[in-house]
Amino acid sequence: MSQVADTIRRKLQAAFAPQRLEVLDQSAQHAGHAGARPGGETHFDVVIVASAFAGKNRIARQRDVYAALKEELSGPVHALSLKALAPGE
């Protein structure tokens, strides 16, 4: 796994203690597109299931995740596809 993906995983684990967390580096699929760098680690797909999202709408969940990943989103991460769910969804 890439260094940026490891950082994303570590920060989300610490912030949300998720029951399920998938962090996939999809940078290779975006080679040559805007924001892509030769070394990759720019485009990620995240699926996170955590009790912290219960009772929150999609936008609030996204804001929570974006806040946890503020540094990465302002630096190395160009695009983040996010699916944030509460348990049972």
PDB file of N, CA and C in Angstrom:
ATOM      1  N   MET A   1       0.846  -1.174   0.000  1.00  0.00           N
ATOM      2  CA  MET A   1       0.000   0.000   0.000  1.00  0.00           C
ATOM      3  C   MET A   1       0.895   1.242   0.000  1.00  0.00           C
ATOM      4  N   SER A   2       0.426   2.300  -0.592  1.00  0.00           N
ATOM      5  CA  SER A   2       1.204   3.518  -0.719  1.00  0.00           C
ATOM      6  C   SER A   2       1.282   4.285   0.599  1.00  0.00           C
ATOM      7  N   GLN A   3       2.236   5.177   0.673  1.00  0.00           N
ATOM      8  CA  GLN A   3       2.427   5.983   1.876  1.00  0.00           C
ATOM      9  C   GLN A   3       1.206   6.865   2.142  1.00  0.00           C
ATOM     10  N   VAL A   4       0.651   7.491   1.107  1.00  0.00           N
ATOM     11  CA  VAL A   4      -0.524   8.348   1.286  1.00  0.00           C
ATOM     12  C   VAL A   4      -1.721   7.502   1.718  1.00  0.00           C
ATOM     13  N   ALA A   5      -1.902   6.345   1.114  1.00  0.00           N
ATOM     14  CA  ALA A   5      -3.000   5.456   1.510  1.00  0.00           C
ATOM     15  C   ALA A   5      -2.847   5.025   2.966  1.00  0.00           C
ATOM     16  N   ASP A   6      -1.628   4.746   3.388  1.00  0.00           N
ATOM     17  CA  ASP A   6      -1.380   4.376   4.784  1.00  0.00           C
ATOM     18  C   ASP A   6      -1.760   5.513   5.721  1.00  0.00           C
ATOM     19  N   THR A   7      -1.428   6.730   5.344  1.00  0.00           N
ATOM     20  CA  THR A   7      -1.769   7.895   6.158  1.00  0.00           C
ATOM     21  C   THR A   7      -3.274   8.081   6.231  1.00  0.00           C
ATOM     22  N   ILE A   8      -3.951   7.932   5.103  1.00  0.00           N
ATOM     23  CA  ILE A   8      -5.413   8.045   5.080  1.00  0.00           C
ATOM     24  C   ILE A   8      -6.022   6.995   6.000  1.00  0.00           C
ATOM     25  N   ARG A   9      -5.576   5.769   5.881  1.00  0.00           N
ATOM     26  CA  ARG A   9      -6.086   4.677   6.704  1.00  0.00           C
ATOM     27  C   ARG A   9      -5.850   4.964   8.190  1.00  0.00           C
ATOM     28  N   ARG A  10      -4.658   5.378   8.542  1.00  0.00           N
ATOM     29  CA  ARG A  10      -4.313   5.645   9.943  1.00  0.00           C
ATOM     30  C   ARG A  10      -5.180   6.764  10.522  1.00  0.00           C
ATOM     31  N   LYS A  11      -5.342   7.835   9.778  1.00  0.00           N
ATOM     32  CA  LYS A  11      -6.126   8.971  10.272  1.00  0.00           C
ATOM     33  C   LYS A  11      -7.608   8.621  10.421  1.00  0.00           C
ATOM     34  N   LEU A  12      -8.152   7.876   9.473  1.00  0.00           N
ATOM     35  CA  LEU A  12      -9.561   7.499   9.557  1.00  0.00           C
ATOM     36  C   LEU A  12      -9.793   6.493  10.686  1.00  0.00           C
ATOM     37  N   GLN A  13      -8.853   5.585  10.887  1.00  0.00           N
ATOM     38  CA  GLN A  13      -8.956   4.648  12.011  1.00  0.00           C
ATOM     39  C   GLN A  13      -8.986   5.419  13.326  1.00  0.00           C
ATOM     40  N   ALA A  14      -8.092   6.387  13.474  1.00  0.00           N
ATOM     41  CA  ALA A  14      -7.992   7.159  14.710  1.00  0.00           C
ATOM     42  C   ALA A  14      -9.231   8.025  14.939  1.00  0.00           C
ATOM     43  N   ALA A  15      -9.760   8.603  13.882  1.00  0.00           N
ATOM     44  CA  ALA A  15     -10.883   9.535  14.019  1.00  0.00           C
ATOM     45  C   ALA A  15     -12.228   8.841  14.214  1.00  0.00           C
ATOM     46  N   PHE A  16     -12.411   7.662  13.591  1.00  0.00           N
ATOM     47  CA  PHE A  16     -13.747   7.061  13.549  1.00  0.00           C
ATOM     48  C   PHE A  16     -13.846   5.633  14.079  1.00  0.00           C
ATOM     49  N   ALA A  17     -12.743   4.973  14.342  1.00  0.00           N
ATOM     50  CA  ALA A  17     -12.756   3.568  14.783  1.00  0.00           C
ATOM     51  C   ALA A  17     -13.754   2.758  13.961  1.00  0.00           C
ATOM     52  N   PRO A  18     -13.585   2.741  12.646  1.00  0.00           N
ATOM     53  CA  PRO A  18     -14.574   2.106  11.771  1.00  0.00           C
ATOM     54  C   PRO A  18     -14.643   0.591  11.904  1.00  0.00           C
ATOM     55  N   GLN A  19     -15.842   0.064  11.644  1.00  0.00           N
ATOM     56  CA  GLN A  19     -16.023  -1.385  11.578  1.00  0.00           C
ATOM     57  C   GLN A  19     -15.497  -1.909  10.242  1.00  0.00           C
ATOM     58  N   ARG A  20     -15.508  -1.062   9.236  1.00  0.00           N
ATOM     59  CA  ARG A  20     -15.005  -1.434   7.906  1.00  0.00           C
ATOM     60  C   ARG A  20     -14.321  -0.216   7.304  1.00  0.00           C
ATOM     61  N   LEU A  21     -13.170  -0.436   6.700  1.00  0.00           N
ATOM     62  CA  LEU A  21     -12.445   0.648   6.052  1.00  0.00           C
ATOM     63  C   LEU A  21     -11.691   0.091   4.855  1.00  0.00           C
ATOM     64  N   GLU A  22     -11.978   0.639   3.702  1.00  0.00           N
ATOM     65  CA  GLU A  22     -11.272   0.272   2.471  1.00  0.00           C
ATOM     66  C   GLU A  22     -10.679   1.548   1.882  1.00  0.00           C
ATOM     67  N   VAL A  23      -9.401   1.523   1.609  1.00  0.00           N
ATOM     68  CA  VAL A  23      -8.718   2.650   0.987  1.00  0.00           C
ATOM     69  C   VAL A  23      -8.011   2.114  -0.246  1.00  0.00           C
ATOM     70  N   LEU A  24      -8.481   2.503  -1.402  1.00  0.00           N
ATOM     71  CA  LEU A  24      -7.918   2.012  -2.659  1.00  0.00           C
ATOM     72  C   LEU A  24      -7.277   3.154  -3.428  1.00  0.00           C
ATOM     73  N   ASP A  25      -6.029   2.976  -3.823  1.00  0.00           N
ATOM     74  CA  ASP A  25      -5.322   3.952  -4.645  1.00  0.00           C
ATOM     75  C   ASP A  25      -5.700   3.684  -6.100  1.00  0.00           C
ATOM     76  N   GLN A  26      -6.438   4.604  -6.693  1.00  0.00           N
ATOM     77  CA  GLN A  26      -6.879   4.447  -8.075  1.00  0.00           C
ATOM     78  C   GLN A  26      -6.136   5.387  -9.019  1.00  0.00           C
ATOM     79  N   SER A  27      -4.993   5.850  -8.583  1.00  0.00           N
ATOM     80  CA  SER A  27      -4.226   6.827  -9.357  1.00  0.00           C
ATOM     81  C   SER A  27      -3.859   6.319 -10.745  1.00  0.00           C
ATOM     82  N   ALA A  28      -3.545   5.052 -10.856  1.00  0.00           N
ATOM     83  CA  ALA A  28      -3.138   4.500 -12.155  1.00  0.00           C
ATOM     84  C   ALA A  28      -4.244   4.644 -13.195  1.00  0.00           C
ATOM     85  N   GLN A  29      -5.489   4.617 -12.760  1.00  0.00           N
ATOM     86  CA  GLN A  29      -6.619   4.756 -13.675  1.00  0.00           C
ATOM     87  C   GLN A  29      -6.781   6.198 -14.168  1.00  0.00           C
ATOM     88  N   HIS A  30      -6.081   7.141 -13.530  1.00  0.00           N
ATOM     89  CA  HIS A  30      -6.225   8.557 -13.865  1.00  0.00           C
ATOM     90  C   HIS A  30      -4.941   9.143 -14.447  1.00  0.00           C
ATOM     91  N   ALA A  31      -4.012   8.288 -14.828  1.00  0.00           N
ATOM     92  CA  ALA A  31      -2.752   8.758 -15.414  1.00  0.00           C
ATOM     93  C   ALA A  31      -3.046   9.639 -16.620  1.00  0.00           C
ATOM     94  N   GLY A  32      -2.397  10.784 -16.664  1.00  0.00           N
ATOM     95  CA  GLY A  32      -2.593  11.714 -17.775  1.00  0.00           C
ATOM     96  C   GLY A  32      -3.730  12.689 -17.557  1.00  0.00           C
ATOM     97  N   HIS A  33      -4.534  12.491 -16.519  1.00  0.00           N
ATOM     98  CA  HIS A  33      -5.642  13.392 -16.220  1.00  0.00           C
ATOM     99  C   HIS A  33      -5.166  14.520 -15.314  1.00  0.00           C
ATOM    100  N   ALA A  34      -6.005  15.521 -15.152  1.00  0.00           N
ATOM    101  CA  ALA A  34      -5.688  16.647 -14.279  1.00  0.00           C
ATOM    102  C   ALA A  34      -5.420  16.148 -12.865  1.00  0.00           C
ATOM    103  N   GLY A  35      -4.380  16.688 -12.256  1.00  0.00           N
ATOM    104  CA  GLY A  35      -4.055  16.347 -10.884  1.00  0.00           C
ATOM    105  C   GLY A  35      -3.233  15.090 -10.706  1.00  0.00           C
ATOM    106  N   ALA A  36      -3.086  14.307 -11.755  1.00  0.00           N
ATOM    107  CA  ALA A  36      -2.306  13.066 -11.656  1.00  0.00           C
ATOM    108  C   ALA A  36      -0.818  13.401 -11.677  1.00  0.00           C
ATOM    109  N   ARG A  37      -0.072  12.703 -10.851  1.00  0.00           N
ATOM    110  CA  ARG A  37       1.384  12.865 -10.821  1.00  0.00           C
ATOM    111  C   ARG A  37       2.017  11.556 -11.280  1.00  0.00           C
ATOM    112  N   PRO A  38       3.216  11.621 -11.820  1.00  0.00           N
ATOM    113  CA  PRO A  38       3.882  10.403 -12.290  1.00  0.00           C
ATOM    114  C   PRO A  38       3.996   9.312 -11.223  1.00  0.00           C
ATOM    115  N   GLY A  39       4.210   9.686  -9.975  1.00  0.00           N
ATOM    116  CA  GLY A  39       4.357   8.698  -8.913  1.00  0.00           C
ATOM    117  C   GLY A  39       3.046   8.184  -8.358  1.00  0.00           C
ATOM    118  N   GLY A  40       1.933   8.714  -8.840  1.00  0.00           N
ATOM    119  CA  GLY A  40       0.619   8.283  -8.354  1.00  0.00           C
ATOM    120  C   GLY A  40       0.286   8.872  -7.001  1.00  0.00           C
ATOM    121  N   GLU A  41      -0.498   8.141  -6.230  1.00  0.00           N
ATOM    122  CA  GLU A  41      -0.947   8.559  -4.900  1.00  0.00           C
ATOM    123  C   GLU A  41      -1.717   9.883  -4.927  1.00  0.00           C
ATOM    124  N   THR A  42      -2.600  10.016  -5.914  1.00  0.00           N
ATOM    125  CA  THR A  42      -3.363  11.252  -6.053  1.00  0.00           C
ATOM    126  C   THR A  42      -4.874  11.030  -6.046  1.00  0.00           C
ATOM    127  N   HIS A  43      -5.321   9.862  -6.436  1.00  0.00           N
ATOM    128  CA  HIS A  43      -6.745   9.559  -6.570  1.00  0.00           C
ATOM    129  C   HIS A  43      -7.079   8.328  -5.717  1.00  0.00           C
ATOM    130  N   PHE A  44      -8.038   8.508  -4.785  1.00  0.00           N
ATOM    131  CA  PHE A  44      -8.363   7.426  -3.863  1.00  0.00           C
ATOM    132  C   PHE A  44      -9.862   7.187  -3.794  1.00  0.00           C
ATOM    133  N   ASP A  45     -10.207   5.939  -3.535  1.00  0.00           N
ATOM    134  CA  ASP A  45     -11.583   5.521  -3.297  1.00  0.00           C
ATOM    135  C   ASP A  45     -11.632   5.005  -1.863  1.00  0.00           C
ATOM    136  N   VAL A  46     -12.533   5.575  -1.046  1.00  0.00           N
ATOM    137  CA  VAL A  46     -12.636   5.192   0.360  1.00  0.00           C
ATOM    138  C   VAL A  46     -14.059   4.751   0.673  1.00  0.00           C
ATOM    139  N   VAL A  47     -14.166   3.607   1.324  1.00  0.00           N
ATOM    140  CA  VAL A  47     -15.430   3.133   1.891  1.00  0.00           C
ATOM    141  C   VAL A  47     -15.188   2.996   3.380  1.00  0.00           C
ATOM    142  N   ILE A  48     -16.028   3.673   4.174  1.00  0.00           N
ATOM    143  CA  ILE A  48     -15.872   3.631   5.621  1.00  0.00           C
ATOM    144  C   ILE A  48     -17.235   3.435   6.266  1.00  0.00           C
ATOM    145  N   VAL A  49     -17.295   2.490   7.190  1.00  0.00           N
ATOM    146  CA  VAL A  49     -18.513   2.210   7.952  1.00  0.00           C
ATOM    147  C   VAL A  49     -18.172   2.427   9.414  1.00  0.00           C
ATOM    148  N   ALA A  50     -18.856   3.398  10.047  1.00  0.00           N
ATOM    149  CA  ALA A  50     -18.544   3.729  11.429  1.00  0.00           C
ATOM    150  C   ALA A  50     -19.785   4.209  12.173  1.00  0.00           C
ATOM    151  N   SER A  51     -19.854   3.878  13.436  1.00  0.00           N
ATOM    152  CA  SER A  51     -20.966   4.322  14.280  1.00  0.00           C
ATOM    153  C   SER A  51     -21.028   5.843  14.369  1.00  0.00           C
ATOM    154  N   ALA A  52     -19.905   6.509  14.186  1.00  0.00           N
ATOM    155  CA  ALA A  52     -19.850   7.968  14.252  1.00  0.00           C
ATOM    156  C   ALA A  52     -20.749   8.630  13.206  1.00  0.00           C
ATOM    157  N   PHE A  53     -21.128   7.896  12.177  1.00  0.00           N
ATOM    158  CA  PHE A  53     -21.955   8.458  11.113  1.00  0.00           C
ATOM    159  C   PHE A  53     -23.453   8.253  11.337  1.00  0.00           C
ATOM    160  N   ALA A  54     -23.821   7.513  12.362  1.00  0.00           N
ATOM    161  CA  ALA A  54     -25.243   7.252  12.643  1.00  0.00           C
ATOM    162  C   ALA A  54     -25.966   8.569  12.906  1.00  0.00           C
ATOM    163  N   GLY A  55     -27.104   8.741  12.251  1.00  0.00           N
ATOM    164  CA  GLY A  55     -27.924   9.924  12.440  1.00  0.00           C
ATOM    165  C   GLY A  55     -27.456  11.141  11.667  1.00  0.00           C
ATOM    166  N   LYS A  56     -26.368  11.021  10.919  1.00  0.00           N
ATOM    167  CA  LYS A  56     -25.853  12.140  10.133  1.00  0.00           C
ATOM    168  C   LYS A  56     -26.199  11.945   8.661  1.00  0.00           C
ATOM    169  N   ASN A  57     -26.446  13.054   7.978  1.00  0.00           N
ATOM    170  CA  ASN A  57     -26.703  12.958   6.544  1.00  0.00           C
ATOM    171  C   ASN A  57     -25.384  12.834   5.779  1.00  0.00           C
ATOM    172  N   ARG A  58     -25.482  12.613   4.497  1.00  0.00           N
ATOM    173  CA  ARG A  58     -24.309  12.370   3.649  1.00  0.00           C
ATOM    174  C   ARG A  58     -23.317  13.534   3.706  1.00  0.00           C
ATOM    175  N   ILE A  59     -23.819  14.751   3.673  1.00  0.00           N
ATOM    176  CA  ILE A  59     -22.942  15.926   3.671  1.00  0.00           C
ATOM    177  C   ILE A  59     -22.175  16.031   4.994  1.00  0.00           C
ATOM    178  N   ALA A  60     -22.845  15.817   6.107  1.00  0.00           N
ATOM    179  CA  ALA A  60     -22.189  15.880   7.417  1.00  0.00           C
ATOM    180  C   ALA A  60     -21.116  14.804   7.522  1.00  0.00           C
ATOM    181  N   ARG A  61     -21.381  13.637   7.003  1.00  0.00           N
ATOM    182  CA  ARG A  61     -20.405  12.551   7.021  1.00  0.00           C
ATOM    183  C   ARG A  61     -19.177  12.921   6.199  1.00  0.00           C
ATOM    184  N   GLN A  62     -19.417  13.487   5.018  1.00  0.00           N
ATOM    185  CA  GLN A  62     -18.310  13.896   4.162  1.00  0.00           C
ATOM    186  C   GLN A  62     -17.475  14.977   4.837  1.00  0.00           C
ATOM    187  N   ARG A  63     -18.146  15.933   5.469  1.00  0.00           N
ATOM    188  CA  ARG A  63     -17.415  16.999   6.167  1.00  0.00           C
ATOM    189  C   ARG A  63     -16.529  16.418   7.264  1.00  0.00           C
ATOM    190  N   ASP A  64     -17.043  15.444   7.989  1.00  0.00           N
ATOM    191  CA  ASP A  64     -16.263  14.814   9.049  1.00  0.00           C
ATOM    192  C   ASP A  64     -15.004  14.149   8.485  1.00  0.00           C
ATOM    193  N   VAL A  65     -15.166  13.414   7.398  1.00  0.00           N
ATOM    194  CA  VAL A  65     -14.023  12.730   6.791  1.00  0.00           C
ATOM    195  C   VAL A  65     -13.049  13.748   6.204  1.00  0.00           C
ATOM    196  N   TYR A  66     -13.562  14.763   5.518  1.00  0.00           N
ATOM    197  CA  TYR A  66     -12.685  15.785   4.941  1.00  0.00           C
ATOM    198  C   TYR A  66     -11.899  16.516   6.030  1.00  0.00           C
ATOM    199  N   ALA A  67     -12.519  16.746   7.175  1.00  0.00           N
ATOM    200  CA  ALA A  67     -11.821  17.403   8.281  1.00  0.00           C
ATOM    201  C   ALA A  67     -10.674  16.527   8.788  1.00  0.00           C
ATOM    202  N   ALA A  68     -10.919  15.229   8.873  1.00  0.00           N
ATOM    203  CA  ALA A  68      -9.880  14.300   9.332  1.00  0.00           C
ATOM    204  C   ALA A  68      -8.720  14.212   8.341  1.00  0.00           C
ATOM    205  N   LEU A  69      -9.012  14.436   7.058  1.00  0.00           N
ATOM    206  CA  LEU A  69      -7.996  14.314   6.000  1.00  0.00           C
ATOM    207  C   LEU A  69      -7.607  15.669   5.409  1.00  0.00           C
ATOM    208  N   LYS A  70      -7.787  16.726   6.176  1.00  0.00           N
ATOM    209  CA  LYS A  70      -7.547  18.087   5.691  1.00  0.00           C
ATOM    210  C   LYS A  70      -6.172  18.261   5.042  1.00  0.00           C
ATOM    211  N   GLU A  71      -5.136  17.782   5.697  1.00  0.00           N
ATOM    212  CA  GLU A  71      -3.772  17.939   5.165  1.00  0.00           C
ATOM    213  C   GLU A  71      -3.597  17.211   3.829  1.00  0.00           C
ATOM    214  N   GLU A  72      -4.098  16.000   3.764  1.00  0.00           N
ATOM    215  CA  GLU A  72      -3.950  15.211   2.535  1.00  0.00           C
ATOM    216  C   GLU A  72      -4.739  15.835   1.380  1.00  0.00           C
ATOM    217  N   LEU A  73      -5.926  16.340   1.673  1.00  0.00           N
ATOM    218  CA  LEU A  73      -6.767  16.925   0.621  1.00  0.00           C
ATOM    219  C   LEU A  73      -6.223  18.265   0.133  1.00  0.00           C
ATOM    220  N   SER A  74      -5.418  18.923   0.948  1.00  0.00           N
ATOM    221  CA  SER A  74      -4.828  20.188   0.509  1.00  0.00           C
ATOM    222  C   SER A  74      -3.437  19.970  -0.085  1.00  0.00           C
ATOM    223  N   GLY A  75      -2.991  18.735  -0.111  1.00  0.00           N
ATOM    224  CA  GLY A  75      -1.658  18.439  -0.632  1.00  0.00           C
ATOM    225  C   GLY A  75      -1.664  17.351  -1.672  1.00  0.00           C
ATOM    226  N   PRO A  76      -1.271  16.150  -1.275  1.00  0.00           N
ATOM    227  CA  PRO A  76      -1.038  15.105  -2.265  1.00  0.00           C
ATOM    228  C   PRO A  76      -2.294  14.516  -2.912  1.00  0.00           C
ATOM    229  N   VAL A  77      -3.454  14.592  -2.260  1.00  0.00           N
ATOM    230  CA  VAL A  77      -4.668  13.959  -2.799  1.00  0.00           C
ATOM    231  C   VAL A  77      -5.402  14.948  -3.694  1.00  0.00           C
ATOM    232  N   HIS A  78      -5.556  14.556  -4.951  1.00  0.00           N
ATOM    233  CA  HIS A  78      -6.279  15.386  -5.909  1.00  0.00           C
ATOM    234  C   HIS A  78      -7.770  15.060  -5.911  1.00  0.00           C
ATOM    235  N   ALA A  79      -8.101  13.787  -5.751  1.00  0.00           N
ATOM    236  CA  ALA A  79      -9.502  13.368  -5.807  1.00  0.00           C
ATOM    237  C   ALA A  79      -9.755  12.252  -4.801  1.00  0.00           C
ATOM    238  N   LEU A  80     -10.912  12.347  -4.139  1.00  0.00           N
ATOM    239  CA  LEU A  80     -11.299  11.341  -3.159  1.00  0.00           C
ATOM    240  C   LEU A  80     -12.752  10.960  -3.416  1.00  0.00           C
ATOM    241  N   SER A  81     -12.958   9.715  -3.786  1.00  0.00           N
ATOM    242  CA  SER A  81     -14.307   9.176  -3.918  1.00  0.00           C
ATOM    243  C   SER A  81     -14.639   8.563  -2.565  1.00  0.00           C
ATOM    244  N   LEU A  82     -15.746   8.984  -1.963  1.00  0.00           N
ATOM    245  CA  LEU A  82     -16.031   8.612  -0.592  1.00  0.00           C
ATOM    246  C   LEU A  82     -17.431   8.037  -0.442  1.00  0.00           C
ATOM    247  N   LYS A  83     -17.500   6.918   0.267  1.00  0.00           N
ATOM    248  CA  LYS A  83     -18.756   6.322   0.664  1.00  0.00           C
ATOM    249  C   LYS A  83     -18.675   6.131   2.182  1.00  0.00           C
ATOM    250  N   ALA A  84     -19.372   6.991   2.934  1.00  0.00           N
ATOM    251  CA  ALA A  84     -19.357   6.936   4.391  1.00  0.00           C
ATOM    252  C   ALA A  84     -20.715   6.459   4.881  1.00  0.00           C
ATOM    253  N   LEU A  85     -20.719   5.354   5.610  1.00  0.00           N
ATOM    254  CA  LEU A  85     -21.966   4.725   6.028  1.00  0.00           C
ATOM    255  C   LEU A  85     -21.969   4.458   7.531  1.00  0.00           C
ATOM    256  N   ALA A  86     -23.165   4.385   8.096  1.00  0.00           N
ATOM    257  CA  ALA A  86     -23.331   3.927   9.473  1.00  0.00           C
ATOM    258  C   ALA A  86     -23.531   2.408   9.421  1.00  0.00           C
ATOM    259  N   PRO A  87     -23.234   1.715  10.502  1.00  0.00           N
ATOM    260  CA  PRO A  87     -23.451   0.257  10.505  1.00  0.00           C
ATOM    261  C   PRO A  87     -24.899  -0.080  10.144  1.00  0.00           C
ATOM    262  N   GLY A  88     -25.062  -1.129   9.347  1.00  0.00           N
ATOM    263  CA  GLY A  88     -26.388  -1.556   8.928  1.00  0.00           C
ATOM    264  C   GLY A  88     -26.881  -0.914   7.654  1.00  0.00           C
ATOM    265  N   GLU A  89     -26.149   0.046   7.127  1.00  0.00           N
ATOM    266  CA  GLU A  89     -26.569   0.681   5.875  1.00  0.00           C
ATOM    267  C   GLU A  89     -25.955  -0.032   4.683  1.00  0.00           C
TER     268      GLU A  89
END
